[in-house]
């Protein structure tokens, strides 16, 4: 049984990189909660490691810009359901 991370999510690294809504841009610097990218751009953010990466790159902080029309078997998305108490 795997344990959840700090946000209560399980098994986040190593399967597919995940599409994000943000366009890729430089971070402003320093610690930022829920940073957002630029309003427009060429590449959308794909975050996290994928099965073709070496283990050192399988981490949530890893990100790259990818053209939205790109189709690869190592890029996907994660469906998250928030539990209602």
Protein backbone atom coordinates (compact mmCIF):
# COMPACT_ATOMS: atom_id res chain seq x y z
CA UNK A 1 0.00 0.00 0.00
CA UNK A 2 1.40 3.38 -0.98
CA UNK A 3 1.06 6.32 1.37
CA UNK A 4 -0.49 9.65 0.33
CA UNK A 5 1.67 12.73 -0.17
CA UNK A 6 1.19 15.98 1.79
CA UNK A 7 -1.94 16.80 -0.27
CA UNK A 8 -3.52 13.38 0.19
CA UNK A 9 -2.75 12.22 -3.37
CA UNK A 10 -1.34 8.79 -4.16
CA UNK A 11 1.25 7.56 -6.65
CA UNK A 12 2.05 10.85 -8.38
CA UNK A 13 5.35 10.11 -10.14
CA UNK A 14 6.55 7.92 -12.94
CA UNK A 15 3.59 7.01 -15.13
CA UNK A 16 2.77 9.98 -17.36
CA UNK A 17 3.56 13.69 -17.32
CA UNK A 18 0.41 15.67 -16.65
CA UNK A 19 -1.01 18.56 -18.66
CA UNK A 20 -1.53 21.77 -16.67
CA UNK A 21 -3.68 24.78 -17.59
CA UNK A 22 -0.77 27.25 -17.44
CA UNK A 23 1.39 28.39 -20.33
CA UNK A 24 5.10 27.85 -19.64
CA UNK A 25 6.96 30.89 -18.35
CA UNK A 26 9.72 31.75 -15.91
CA UNK A 27 8.88 31.74 -12.22
CA UNK A 28 9.10 35.12 -10.49
CA UNK A 29 11.38 33.64 -7.83
CA UNK A 30 10.96 32.69 -4.21
CA UNK A 31 8.25 30.50 -2.75
CA UNK A 32 4.86 31.08 -4.36
CA UNK A 33 1.62 29.28 -3.55
CA UNK A 34 -0.35 28.33 -6.67
CA UNK A 35 1.83 30.20 -9.19
CA UNK A 36 0.29 30.98 -12.55
CA UNK A 37 2.03 31.27 -15.88
CA UNK A 38 1.72 33.98 -18.52
CA UNK A 39 -1.64 34.75 -20.17
CA UNK A 40 -0.47 33.36 -23.55
CA UNK A 41 2.38 31.30 -24.91
CA UNK A 42 3.53 28.52 -27.19
CA UNK A 43 3.86 25.61 -24.76
CA UNK A 44 1.47 24.48 -22.03
CA UNK A 45 3.05 23.13 -18.87
CA UNK A 46 3.46 19.37 -18.55
CA UNK A 47 4.48 18.51 -15.01
CA UNK A 48 5.94 15.47 -13.29
CA UNK A 49 7.87 12.43 -14.39
CA UNK A 50 6.93 9.94 -17.06
CA UNK A 51 7.86 6.35 -17.72
CA UNK A 52 10.52 7.29 -20.30
CA UNK A 53 12.39 9.55 -17.81
CA UNK A 54 15.25 8.42 -15.60
CA UNK A 55 14.20 8.12 -11.91
CA UNK A 56 15.88 11.41 -10.94
CA UNK A 57 13.41 13.27 -13.18
CA UNK A 58 10.27 11.60 -11.78
CA UNK A 59 9.21 14.38 -9.43
CA UNK A 60 6.25 16.77 -9.23
CA UNK A 61 8.47 19.85 -9.55
CA UNK A 62 9.71 18.83 -13.00
CA UNK A 63 8.02 20.77 -15.78
CA UNK A 64 8.37 21.43 -19.49
CA UNK A 65 6.53 23.40 -22.17
CA UNK A 66 4.69 21.29 -24.74
CA UNK A 67 2.66 22.40 -27.76
CA UNK A 68 -1.02 21.69 -26.94
CA UNK A 69 -1.60 19.59 -30.09
CA UNK A 70 1.11 17.13 -29.00
CA UNK A 71 -0.03 13.52 -28.65
CA UNK A 72 2.29 11.12 -26.80
CA UNK A 73 1.72 7.97 -24.77
CA UNK A 74 3.67 9.50 -21.88
CA UNK A 75 1.58 12.71 -21.48
CA UNK A 76 -1.86 12.61 -19.89
CA UNK A 77 -3.97 14.21 -17.21
CA UNK A 78 -5.04 13.33 -13.69
CA UNK A 79 -8.65 13.28 -12.59
CA UNK A 80 -9.01 14.32 -8.95
CA UNK A 81 -12.21 13.93 -6.98
CA UNK A 82 -12.59 15.94 -3.79
CA UNK A 83 -14.34 13.99 -1.06
CA UNK A 84 -17.45 15.69 0.31
CA UNK A 85 -17.77 15.34 4.07
